[in-house]
C-alpha atoms as a PDB file:
ATOM      1  CA  UNK A   1     108.058  42.859  89.691  1.00  0.00           C
ATOM      2  CA  UNK A   2     107.917  44.989  86.535  1.00  0.00           C
ATOM      3  CA  UNK A   3     109.500  43.141  83.622  1.00  0.00           C
ATOM      4  CA  UNK A   4     111.384  45.309  81.129  1.00  0.00           C
ATOM      5  CA  UNK A   5     112.777  44.401  77.713  1.00  0.00           C
ATOM      6  CA  UNK A   6     115.705  46.553  76.550  1.00  0.00           C
ATOM      7  CA  UNK A   7     116.633  46.253  72.875  1.00  0.00           C
ATOM      8  CA  UNK A   8     120.145  47.326  71.954  1.00  0.00           C
ATOM      9  CA  UNK A   9     121.300  46.203  75.392  1.00  0.00           C
ATOM     10  CA  UNK A  10     124.902  45.759  74.191  1.00  0.00           C
ATOM     11  CA  UNK A  11     125.016  49.333  72.902  1.00  0.00           C
ATOM     12  CA  UNK A  12     126.212  52.555  74.491  1.00  0.00           C
ATOM     13  CA  UNK A  13     122.855  53.666  75.913  1.00  0.00           C
ATOM     14  CA  UNK A  14     121.565  50.153  76.485  1.00  0.00           C
ATOM     15  CA  UNK A  15     124.343  49.205  78.876  1.00  0.00           C
ATOM     16  CA  UNK A  16     123.625  52.172  81.136  1.00  0.00           C
ATOM     17  CA  UNK A  17     119.899  51.521  80.914  1.00  0.00           C
ATOM     18  CA  UNK A  18     120.309  47.880  81.958  1.00  0.00           C
ATOM     19  CA  UNK A  19     122.261  48.908  85.057  1.00  0.00           C
ATOM     20  CA  UNK A  20     119.814  51.676  85.991  1.00  0.00           C
ATOM     21  CA  UNK A  21     116.792  49.378  85.675  1.00  0.00           C
ATOM     22  CA  UNK A  22     118.436  46.662  87.760  1.00  0.00           C
ATOM     23  CA  UNK A  23     119.319  49.269  90.413  1.00  0.00           C
ATOM     24  CA  UNK A  24     115.616  50.204  90.552  1.00  0.00           C
ATOM     25  CA  UNK A  25     114.635  46.597  91.192  1.00  0.00           C
ATOM     26  CA  UNK A  26     113.121  45.835  87.782  1.00  0.00           C
ATOM     27  CA  UNK A  27     113.475  42.499  86.054  1.00  0.00           C
ATOM     28  CA  UNK A  28     115.476  43.132  82.859  1.00  0.00           C
ATOM     29  CA  UNK A  29     115.596  41.126  79.660  1.00  0.00           C
ATOM     30  CA  UNK A  30     118.352  42.463  77.463  1.00  0.00           C
ATOM     31  CA  UNK A  31     118.595  41.726  73.771  1.00  0.00           C
ATOM     32  CA  UNK A  32     121.008  42.569  70.974  1.00  0.00           C
ATOM     33  CA  UNK A  33     122.585  41.024  67.907  1.00  0.00           C
ATOM     34  CA  UNK A  34     125.562  40.124  70.087  1.00  0.00           C
ATOM     35  CA  UNK A  35     126.153  39.323  73.742  1.00  0.00           C
ATOM     36  CA  UNK A  36     128.504  41.852  75.290  1.00  0.00           C
ATOM     37  CA  UNK A  37     131.145  40.300  77.545  1.00  0.00           C
ATOM     38  CA  UNK A  38     130.047  42.536  80.414  1.00  0.00           C
ATOM     39  CA  UNK A  39     126.923  40.417  80.832  1.00  0.00           C
ATOM     40  CA  UNK A  40     129.068  37.386  81.599  1.00  0.00           C
ATOM     41  CA  UNK A  41     130.068  39.072  84.862  1.00  0.00           C
ATOM     42  CA  UNK A  42     128.611  37.300  87.896  1.00  0.00           C
ATOM     43  CA  UNK A  43     126.786  40.478  89.003  1.00  0.00           C
ATOM     44  CA  UNK A  44     124.339  39.854  86.132  1.00  0.00           C
ATOM     45  CA  UNK A  45     123.656  36.278  87.189  1.00  0.00           C
ATOM     46  CA  UNK A  46     120.447  35.664  89.054  1.00  0.00           C
ATOM     47  CA  UNK A  47     116.694  35.903  88.753  1.00  0.00           C
ATOM     48  CA  UNK A  48     116.451  39.590  87.756  1.00  0.00           C
ATOM     49  CA  UNK A  49     118.350  39.539  84.461  1.00  0.00           C
ATOM     50  CA  UNK A  50     118.625  37.488  81.318  1.00  0.00           C
ATOM     51  CA  UNK A  51     119.917  38.118  77.818  1.00  0.00           C
ATOM     52  CA  UNK A  52     118.622  36.923  74.471  1.00  0.00           C
ATOM     53  CA  UNK A  53     120.691  37.252  71.325  1.00  0.00           C
ATOM     54  CA  UNK A  54     118.349  38.271  68.537  1.00  0.00           C
ATOM     55  CA  UNK A  55     118.135  39.899  65.131  1.00  0.00           C
ATOM     56  CA  UNK A  56     115.169  42.272  65.261  1.00  0.00           C
ATOM     57  CA  UNK A  57     114.646  41.886  61.529  1.00  0.00           C
ATOM     58  CA  UNK A  58     113.081  38.522  62.442  1.00  0.00           C
ATOM     59  CA  UNK A  59     109.476  39.224  63.463  1.00  0.00           C
ATOM     60  CA  UNK A  60     108.950  35.798  65.025  1.00  0.00           C
ATOM     61  CA  UNK A  61     111.995  36.375  67.239  1.00  0.00           C
ATOM     62  CA  UNK A  62     110.585  39.739  68.301  1.00  0.00           C
ATOM     63  CA  UNK A  63     107.363  38.061  69.405  1.00  0.00           C
ATOM     64  CA  UNK A  64     109.372  35.674  71.586  1.00  0.00           C
ATOM     65  CA  UNK A  65     111.283  38.577  73.141  1.00  0.00           C
ATOM     66  CA  UNK A  66     108.145  40.375  74.354  1.00  0.00           C
ATOM     67  CA  UNK A  67     106.521  37.278  75.839  1.00  0.00           C
ATOM     68  CA  UNK A  68     105.542  38.028  79.469  1.00  0.00           C
ATOM     69  CA  UNK A  69     107.088  41.544  79.274  1.00  0.00           C
ATOM     70  CA  UNK A  70     105.411  44.620  80.794  1.00  0.00           C
ATOM     71  CA  UNK A  71     107.531  47.415  79.305  1.00  0.00           C
ATOM     72  CA  UNK A  72     109.715  47.745  76.208  1.00  0.00           C
ATOM     73  CA  UNK A  73     112.582  50.221  75.931  1.00  0.00           C
ATOM     74  CA  UNK A  74     113.377  50.132  72.223  1.00  0.00           C
ATOM     75  CA  UNK A  75     116.895  51.543  72.004  1.00  0.00           C
ATOM     76  CA  UNK A  76     118.288  49.392  69.191  1.00  0.00           C
ATOM     77  CA  UNK A  77     119.317  51.207  66.045  1.00  0.00           C
ATOM     78  CA  UNK A  78     122.104  51.746  63.560  1.00  0.00           C
ATOM     79  CA  UNK A  79     124.701  54.291  64.643  1.00  0.00           C
ATOM     80  CA  UNK A  80     127.355  55.656  62.359  1.00  0.00           C
ATOM     81  CA  UNK A  81     129.216  58.559  60.857  1.00  0.00           C
ATOM     82  CA  UNK A  82     127.815  61.270  58.553  1.00  0.00           C
ATOM     83  CA  UNK A  83     130.098  59.894  55.823  1.00  0.00           C
ATOM     84  CA  UNK A  84     128.547  56.446  56.083  1.00  0.00           C
ATOM     85  CA  UNK A  85     125.052  57.955  56.156  1.00  0.00           C
ATOM     86  CA  UNK A  86     125.716  59.751  52.867  1.00  0.00           C
ATOM     87  CA  UNK A  87     127.510  56.922  51.085  1.00  0.00           C
ATOM     88  CA  UNK A  88     125.721  53.843  52.465  1.00  0.00           C
ATOM     89  CA  UNK A  89     122.239  55.071  53.387  1.00  0.00           C
ATOM     90  CA  UNK A  90     120.557  51.683  53.184  1.00  0.00           C
ATOM     91  CA  UNK A  91     122.738  50.504  56.076  1.00  0.00           C
ATOM     92  CA  UNK A  92     120.452  52.755  58.131  1.00  0.00           C
ATOM     93  CA  UNK A  93     117.157  52.877  56.282  1.00  0.00           C
ATOM     94  CA  UNK A  94     116.025  49.291  55.795  1.00  0.00           C
ATOM     95  CA  UNK A  95     117.288  47.719  59.068  1.00  0.00           C
ATOM     96  CA  UNK A  96     115.813  50.530  61.182  1.00  0.00           C
ATOM     97  CA  UNK A  97     112.440  50.231  59.462  1.00  0.00           C
ATOM     98  CA  UNK A  98     112.492  46.517  60.222  1.00  0.00           C
ATOM     99  CA  UNK A  99     113.668  46.894  63.842  1.00  0.00           C
ATOM    100  CA  UNK A 100     111.123  49.577  64.647  1.00  0.00           C
ATOM    101  CA  UNK A 101     108.118  48.059  62.896  1.00  0.00           C
ATOM    102  CA  UNK A 102     108.694  44.533  64.159  1.00  0.00           C
ATOM    103  CA  UNK A 103     109.262  45.464  67.799  1.00  0.00           C
ATOM    104  CA  UNK A 104     106.289  47.831  68.049  1.00  0.00           C
ATOM    105  CA  UNK A 105     103.913  45.382  66.369  1.00  0.00           C
ATOM    106  CA  UNK A 106     105.134  42.479  68.517  1.00  0.00           C
ATOM    107  CA  UNK A 107     104.654  44.589  71.648  1.00  0.00           C
ATOM    108  CA  UNK A 108     101.154  45.583  70.533  1.00  0.00           C
ATOM    109  CA  UNK A 109     100.149  41.980  69.898  1.00  0.00           C
ATOM    110  CA  UNK A 110     101.530  40.944  73.290  1.00  0.00           C
ATOM    111  CA  UNK A 111      99.678  43.801  75.005  1.00  0.00           C
ATOM    112  CA  UNK A 112     102.672  45.345  76.801  1.00  0.00           C
ATOM    113  CA  UNK A 113     101.757  48.071  79.279  1.00  0.00           C
ATOM    114  CA  UNK A 114     104.209  50.719  78.009  1.00  0.00           C
ATOM    115  CA  UNK A 115     106.585  51.232  75.105  1.00  0.00           C
ATOM    116  CA  UNK A 116     109.402  53.776  74.843  1.00  0.00           C
ATOM    117  CA  UNK A 117     110.632  54.470  71.332  1.00  0.00           C
ATOM    118  CA  UNK A 118     114.063  56.037  70.916  1.00  0.00           C
ATOM    119  CA  UNK A 119     113.908  58.369  67.940  1.00  0.00           C
ATOM    120  CA  UNK A 120     116.643  60.832  66.937  1.00  0.00           C
ATOM    121  CA  UNK A 121     117.684  64.431  66.356  1.00  0.00           C
ATOM    122  CA  UNK A 122     117.810  63.350  62.704  1.00  0.00           C
ATOM    123  CA  UNK A 123     114.021  63.647  62.366  1.00  0.00           C
ATOM    124  CA  UNK A 124     114.326  67.448  62.397  1.00  0.00           C
ATOM    125  CA  UNK A 125     114.817  69.895  59.570  1.00  0.00           C
ATOM    126  CA  UNK A 126     117.807  72.273  59.989  1.00  0.00           C
ATOM    127  CA  UNK A 127     116.918  75.028  62.447  1.00  0.00           C
ATOM    128  CA  UNK A 128     118.477  77.058  65.233  1.00  0.00           C
ATOM    129  CA  UNK A 129     116.353  75.146  67.743  1.00  0.00           C
ATOM    130  CA  UNK A 130     114.467  71.903  67.358  1.00  0.00           C
ATOM    131  CA  UNK A 131     110.972  72.092  68.879  1.00  0.00           C
ATOM    132  CA  UNK A 132     109.077  68.837  69.256  1.00  0.00           C
ATOM    133  CA  UNK A 133     105.812  69.886  67.617  1.00  0.00           C
ATOM    134  CA  UNK A 134     107.560  71.261  64.517  1.00  0.00           C
ATOM    135  CA  UNK A 135     108.683  67.889  63.158  1.00  0.00           C
ATOM    136  CA  UNK A 136     105.732  67.202  60.874  1.00  0.00           C
ATOM    137  CA  UNK A 137     105.747  70.721  59.413  1.00  0.00           C
ATOM    138  CA  UNK A 138     109.108  70.076  57.731  1.00  0.00           C
ATOM    139  CA  UNK A 139     111.370  67.428  56.211  1.00  0.00           C
ATOM    140  CA  UNK A 140     114.592  65.933  57.649  1.00  0.00           C
ATOM    141  CA  UNK A 141     117.872  67.486  56.592  1.00  0.00           C
ATOM    142  CA  UNK A 142     119.356  66.174  53.355  1.00  0.00           C
ATOM    143  CA  UNK A 143     122.350  65.190  55.510  1.00  0.00           C
ATOM    144  CA  UNK A 144     120.058  62.869  57.513  1.00  0.00           C
ATOM    145  CA  UNK A 145     117.471  62.060  54.891  1.00  0.00           C
ATOM    146  CA  UNK A 146     117.359  58.265  55.059  1.00  0.00           C
ATOM    147  CA  UNK A 147     118.047  57.699  58.750  1.00  0.00           C
ATOM    148  CA  UNK A 148     115.784  60.644  59.626  1.00  0.00           C
ATOM    149  CA  UNK A 149     112.842  59.281  57.659  1.00  0.00           C
ATOM    150  CA  UNK A 150     113.329  55.793  59.103  1.00  0.00           C
ATOM    151  CA  UNK A 151     113.069  57.234  62.612  1.00  0.00           C
ATOM    152  CA  UNK A 152     110.061  59.352  61.632  1.00  0.00           C
ATOM    153  CA  UNK A 153     108.225  56.295  60.330  1.00  0.00           C
ATOM    154  CA  UNK A 154     108.789  54.651  63.712  1.00  0.00           C
ATOM    155  CA  UNK A 155     107.101  57.644  65.359  1.00  0.00           C
ATOM    156  CA  UNK A 156     104.254  57.578  62.826  1.00  0.00           C
ATOM    157  CA  UNK A 157     103.591  53.923  63.621  1.00  0.00           C
ATOM    158  CA  UNK A 158     102.699  54.919  67.176  1.00  0.00           C
ATOM    159  CA  UNK A 159     100.168  57.434  65.812  1.00  0.00           C
ATOM    160  CA  UNK A 160      98.703  54.659  63.634  1.00  0.00           C
ATOM    161  CA  UNK A 161      98.253  52.467  66.735  1.00  0.00           C
ATOM    162  CA  UNK A 162      96.483  55.315  68.531  1.00  0.00           C
ATOM    163  CA  UNK A 163      94.071  55.960  65.665  1.00  0.00           C
ATOM    164  CA  UNK A 164      93.419  52.307  64.830  1.00  0.00           C
ATOM    165  CA  UNK A 165      93.430  50.676  68.274  1.00  0.00           C
ATOM    166  CA  UNK A 166      92.981  53.575  70.678  1.00  0.00           C
ATOM    167  CA  UNK A 167      96.399  52.892  72.207  1.00  0.00           C
ATOM    168  CA  UNK A 168      98.120  55.744  74.016  1.00  0.00           C
ATOM    169  CA  UNK A 169     100.809  53.878  75.918  1.00  0.00           C
ATOM    170  CA  UNK A 170     103.876  55.134  74.067  1.00  0.00           C
ATOM    171  CA  UNK A 171     106.672  57.529  74.903  1.00  0.00           C
ATOM    172  CA  UNK A 172     108.934  58.988  72.209  1.00  0.00           C
ATOM    173  CA  UNK A 173     112.345  60.408  73.080  1.00  0.00           C
ATOM    174  CA  UNK A 174     114.543  62.272  70.595  1.00  0.00           C
ATOM    175  CA  UNK A 175     118.165  62.330  71.781  1.00  0.00           C
ATOM    176  CA  UNK A 176     120.648  64.856  70.435  1.00  0.00           C
ATOM    177  CA  UNK A 177     124.154  63.708  69.440  1.00  0.00           C
ATOM    178  CA  UNK A 178     124.880  60.879  71.880  1.00  0.00           C
ATOM    179  CA  UNK A 179     128.370  60.063  73.136  1.00  0.00           C
ATOM    180  CA  UNK A 180     129.957  58.366  76.128  1.00  0.00           C
ATOM    181  CA  UNK A 181     131.627  55.246  77.414  1.00  0.00           C
ATOM    182  CA  UNK A 182     131.168  52.188  75.198  1.00  0.00           C
ATOM    183  CA  UNK A 183     131.063  54.437  72.109  1.00  0.00           C
ATOM    184  CA  UNK A 184     131.909  53.226  68.596  1.00  0.00           C
ATOM    185  CA  UNK A 185     135.567  53.942  67.839  1.00  0.00           C
ATOM    186  CA  UNK A 186     135.509  52.320  64.399  1.00  0.00           C
ATOM    187  CA  UNK A 187     135.521  54.312  61.155  1.00  0.00           C
ATOM    188  CA  UNK A 188     131.719  54.439  61.470  1.00  0.00           C
ATOM    189  CA  UNK A 189     131.855  56.262  64.813  1.00  0.00           C
ATOM    190  CA  UNK A 190     130.642  59.801  65.443  1.00  0.00           C
ATOM    191  CA  UNK A 191     132.707  62.949  65.995  1.00  0.00           C
ATOM    192  CA  UNK A 192     133.740  62.595  69.656  1.00  0.00           C
ATOM    193  CA  UNK A 193     135.027  58.978  69.540  1.00  0.00           C
ATOM    194  CA  UNK A 194     136.730  59.703  66.213  1.00  0.00           C
ATOM    195  CA  UNK A 195     138.559  62.725  67.629  1.00  0.00           C
ATOM    196  CA  UNK A 196     139.581  60.797  70.749  1.00  0.00           C
ATOM    197  CA  UNK A 197     140.955  57.975  68.608  1.00  0.00           C
ATOM    198  CA  UNK A 198     142.902  60.412  66.391  1.00  0.00           C
ATOM    199  CA  UNK A 199     144.206  62.265  69.435  1.00  0.00           C
ATOM    200  CA  UNK A 200     145.581  59.054  70.886  1.00  0.00           C
ATOM    201  CA  UNK A 201     147.184  57.680  67.716  1.00  0.00           C
ATOM    202  CA  UNK A 202     147.942  60.509  65.253  1.00  0.00           C
ATOM    203  CA  UNK A 203     150.584  63.222  65.165  1.00  0.00           C
ATOM    204  CA  UNK A 204     147.986  65.808  64.124  1.00  0.00           C
ATOM    205  CA  UNK A 205     144.329  65.997  65.146  1.00  0.00           C
ATOM    206  CA  UNK A 206     142.543  66.141  61.792  1.00  0.00           C
ATOM    207  CA  UNK A 207     138.998  67.571  61.889  1.00  0.00           C
ATOM    208  CA  UNK A 208     136.459  67.325  59.079  1.00  0.00           C
ATOM    209  CA  UNK A 209     135.379  70.764  57.827  1.00  0.00           C
ATOM    210  CA  UNK A 210     136.300  74.061  59.427  1.00  0.00           C
ATOM    211  CA  UNK A 211     135.129  73.250  62.954  1.00  0.00           C
ATOM    212  CA  UNK A 212     132.414  75.925  63.054  1.00  0.00           C
ATOM    213  CA  UNK A 213     129.222  73.767  63.065  1.00  0.00           C
ATOM    214  CA  UNK A 214     127.322  73.894  66.344  1.00  0.00           C
ATOM    215  CA  UNK A 215     125.911  70.721  67.839  1.00  0.00           C
ATOM    216  CA  UNK A 216     124.013  69.643  70.942  1.00  0.00           C
ATOM    217  CA  UNK A 217     125.609  66.668  72.698  1.00  0.00           C
ATOM    218  CA  UNK A 218     124.199  64.443  75.417  1.00  0.00           C
ATOM    219  CA  UNK A 219     125.940  61.716  77.386  1.00  0.00           C
ATOM    220  CA  UNK A 220     124.576  58.182  77.060  1.00  0.00           C
ATOM    221  CA  UNK A 221     123.961  58.060  80.821  1.00  0.00           C
ATOM    222  CA  UNK A 222     121.634  61.040  80.538  1.00  0.00           C
ATOM    223  CA  UNK A 223     119.799  59.473  77.603  1.00  0.00           C
ATOM    224  CA  UNK A 224     119.195  56.372  79.728  1.00  0.00           C
ATOM    225  CA  UNK A 225     117.882  58.584  82.531  1.00  0.00           C
ATOM    226  CA  UNK A 226     115.555  60.332  80.101  1.00  0.00           C
ATOM    227  CA  UNK A 227     114.170  57.035  78.825  1.00  0.00           C
ATOM    228  CA  UNK A 228     113.441  55.879  82.362  1.00  0.00           C
ATOM    229  CA  UNK A 229     111.840  59.218  83.201  1.00  0.00           C
ATOM    230  CA  UNK A 230     109.558  59.091  80.173  1.00  0.00           C
ATOM    231  CA  UNK A 231     108.273  55.672  81.242  1.00  0.00           C
ATOM    232  CA  UNK A 232     107.950  56.387  84.947  1.00  0.00           C
ATOM    233  CA  UNK A 233     106.087  59.644  84.227  1.00  0.00           C
ATOM    234  CA  UNK A 234     104.019  58.044  81.426  1.00  0.00           C
ATOM    235  CA  UNK A 235     104.863  60.888  79.039  1.00  0.00           C
ATOM    236  CA  UNK A 236     102.855  60.511  75.832  1.00  0.00           C
ATOM    237  CA  UNK A 237     104.145  63.537  73.914  1.00  0.00           C
ATOM    238  CA  UNK A 238     107.568  63.442  72.189  1.00  0.00           C
ATOM    239  CA  UNK A 239     110.397  64.948  74.215  1.00  0.00           C
ATOM    240  CA  UNK A 240     113.866  66.117  73.258  1.00  0.00           C
ATOM    241  CA  UNK A 241     116.848  64.821  75.218  1.00  0.00           C
ATOM    242  CA  UNK A 242     119.792  67.159  74.927  1.00  0.00           C
ATOM    243  CA  UNK A 243     121.541  69.993  76.694  1.00  0.00           C
ATOM    244  CA  UNK A 244     119.963  72.918  74.837  1.00  0.00           C
ATOM    245  CA  UNK A 245     123.456  74.437  74.750  1.00  0.00           C
ATOM    246  CA  UNK A 246     125.471  74.452  71.566  1.00  0.00           C
ATOM    247  CA  UNK A 247     129.143  73.670  71.247  1.00  0.00           C
ATOM    248  CA  UNK A 248     131.303  74.110  68.159  1.00  0.00           C
ATOM    249  CA  UNK A 249     133.148  71.107  66.808  1.00  0.00           C
ATOM    250  CA  UNK A 250     136.386  73.091  67.165  1.00  0.00           C
ATOM    251  CA  UNK A 251     135.745  73.384  70.917  1.00  0.00           C
ATOM    252  CA  UNK A 252     135.483  69.608  71.217  1.00  0.00           C
ATOM    253  CA  UNK A 253     138.662  69.233  69.168  1.00  0.00           C
ATOM    254  CA  UNK A 254     140.380  71.686  71.502  1.00  0.00           C
ATOM    255  CA  UNK A 255     139.522  69.592  74.593  1.00  0.00           C
ATOM    256  CA  UNK A 256     140.957  66.459  72.951  1.00  0.00           C
ATOM    257  CA  UNK A 257     143.997  68.249  71.485  1.00  0.00           C
ATOM    258  CA  UNK A 258     144.848  69.827  74.827  1.00  0.00           C
ATOM    259  CA  UNK A 259     144.663  66.467  76.587  1.00  0.00           C
ATOM    260  CA  UNK A 260     147.054  64.854  74.111  1.00  0.00           C
ATOM    261  CA  UNK A 261     149.216  67.909  73.378  1.00  0.00           C
ATOM    262  CA  UNK A 262     148.426  67.775  69.646  1.00  0.00           C
ATOM    263  CA  UNK A 263     148.029  70.400  66.923  1.00  0.00           C
ATOM    264  CA  UNK A 264     144.652  70.665  65.154  1.00  0.00           C
ATOM    265  CA  UNK A 265     144.341  70.492  61.364  1.00  0.00           C
ATOM    266  CA  UNK A 266     141.027  71.412  59.706  1.00  0.00           C
ATOM    267  CA  UNK A 267     140.278  69.558  56.465  1.00  0.00           C
ATOM    268  CA  UNK A 268     138.054  72.025  54.619  1.00  0.00           C
ATOM    269  CA  UNK A 269     137.782  69.675  51.639  1.00  0.00           C
ATOM    270  CA  UNK A 270     135.393  67.657  53.804  1.00  0.00           C
ATOM    271  CA  UNK A 271     131.774  68.768  54.389  1.00  0.00           C
ATOM    272  CA  UNK A 272     130.673  70.596  57.531  1.00  0.00           C
ATOM    273  CA  UNK A 273     127.133  69.208  57.572  1.00  0.00           C
ATOM    274  CA  UNK A 274     124.335  71.381  58.963  1.00  0.00           C
ATOM    275  CA  UNK A 275     125.668  74.558  60.545  1.00  0.00           C
ATOM    276  CA  UNK A 276     123.570  74.403  63.706  1.00  0.00           C
ATOM    277  CA  UNK A 277     121.501  71.728  65.439  1.00  0.00           C
ATOM    278  CA  UNK A 278     120.223  72.536  68.921  1.00  0.00           C
ATOM    279  CA  UNK A 279     117.464  71.022  71.038  1.00  0.00           C
ATOM    280  CA  UNK A 280     114.725  73.115  72.620  1.00  0.00           C
ATOM    281  CA  UNK A 281     114.599  71.602  76.097  1.00  0.00           C
ATOM    282  CA  UNK A 282     111.539  73.437  77.412  1.00  0.00           C
ATOM    283  CA  UNK A 283     109.275  70.380  77.372  1.00  0.00           C
ATOM    284  CA  UNK A 284     111.791  67.961  78.911  1.00  0.00           C
ATOM    285  CA  UNK A 285     112.695  70.525  81.572  1.00  0.00           C
ATOM    286  CA  UNK A 286     108.998  70.847  82.459  1.00  0.00           C
ATOM    287  CA  UNK A 287     109.028  67.153  83.380  1.00  0.00           C
ATOM    288  CA  UNK A 288     112.101  67.670  85.546  1.00  0.00           C
ATOM    289  CA  UNK A 289     114.747  66.448  83.122  1.00  0.00           C
ATOM    290  CA  UNK A 290     118.142  68.152  82.961  1.00  0.00           C
ATOM    291  CA  UNK A 291     121.436  66.509  81.931  1.00  0.00           C
ATOM    292  CA  UNK A 292     123.799  65.619  84.765  1.00  0.00           C
ATOM    293  CA  UNK A 293     127.029  65.006  82.788  1.00  0.00           C
ATOM    294  CA  UNK A 294     128.721  68.161  81.484  1.00  0.00           C
ATOM    295  CA  UNK A 295     130.468  67.897  78.120  1.00  0.00           C
ATOM    296  CA  UNK A 296     134.087  68.299  79.232  1.00  0.00           C
ATOM    297  CA  UNK A 297     133.669  65.724  81.998  1.00  0.00           C
ATOM    298  CA  UNK A 298     131.974  63.388  79.544  1.00  0.00           C
ATOM    299  CA  UNK A 299     134.718  63.741  76.926  1.00  0.00           C
ATOM    300  CA  UNK A 300     137.404  63.023  79.507  1.00  0.00           C
ATOM    301  CA  UNK A 301     135.449  59.922  80.498  1.00  0.00           C
ATOM    302  CA  UNK A 302     135.462  58.786  76.856  1.00  0.00           C
ATOM    303  CA  UNK A 303     139.223  59.424  76.674  1.00  0.00           C
ATOM    304  CA  UNK A 304     139.828  57.369  79.800  1.00  0.00           C
ATOM    305  CA  UNK A 305     137.629  54.562  78.493  1.00  0.00           C
ATOM    306  CA  UNK A 306     139.370  54.495  75.098  1.00  0.00           C
ATOM    307  CA  UNK A 307     142.789  54.455  76.730  1.00  0.00           C
ATOM    308  CA  UNK A 308     141.710  51.488  78.857  1.00  0.00           C
ATOM    309  CA  UNK A 309     140.933  49.595  75.641  1.00  0.00           C
ATOM    310  CA  UNK A 310     144.533  50.120  74.460  1.00  0.00           C
ATOM    311  CA  UNK A 311     146.085  48.516  77.556  1.00  0.00           C
END
């Protein structure tokens, strides 16, 4: 039985990935800084699943996690709002460097068969379309400078392993803007959970900026599918995970506002961020990957999930 370690197992992508791996008959070891209550459900009891609470900043703990593991899906990271990224950049930079470096080095020392590293759209410089091989010709956007460089260094570490040790057993996935069930609805959350929360509670749906920026969104379920695909196909070149189709922030606000019957207010004193960020999906499509969850369906799923939390 293939034994898989999933870091960030209590997170939005990690939860879907745990379920998908168990459905495929893999043994799964989940790890995160906290144990999510869902893993106390009796369906997770048995010989095919266990959970270790761990802080990935502790290298010795990382070495314990990879003991007797065949495959690592490194999904753990620091997720948060553009505002937090600009005002508290070290909340992203230092922990992600530690997570990424420790887990990859522990996996190398243990001799795991395959390692999937979850990078980010933040590694790219502003462009109409993000093409995988263009990353190292440019610099990350100033709006993603610290988090973007932290993710890039994680990718560069894999190149160092290849040059130094001849290892070529890594996949790198670069998800677009990820949303879905189990999202972060705190003040550090991203645009979709923030709009859903405002739509539920506020009289007006306030939107940062003028609503014109174009983004590429992907549901957490589809990210989990892409991670599994990259391992099962042993893809060794970086691949984008997105839709390839842009949507304006105002269109997302409209879906939420319509659901709740609210007026939209654009706060143009707040920054827009980059005007356009779209994934080129040519490479991922060539491996057979296409998203299954359309944006409107996905947003309504987030709404339903958030409302269930208020009951």
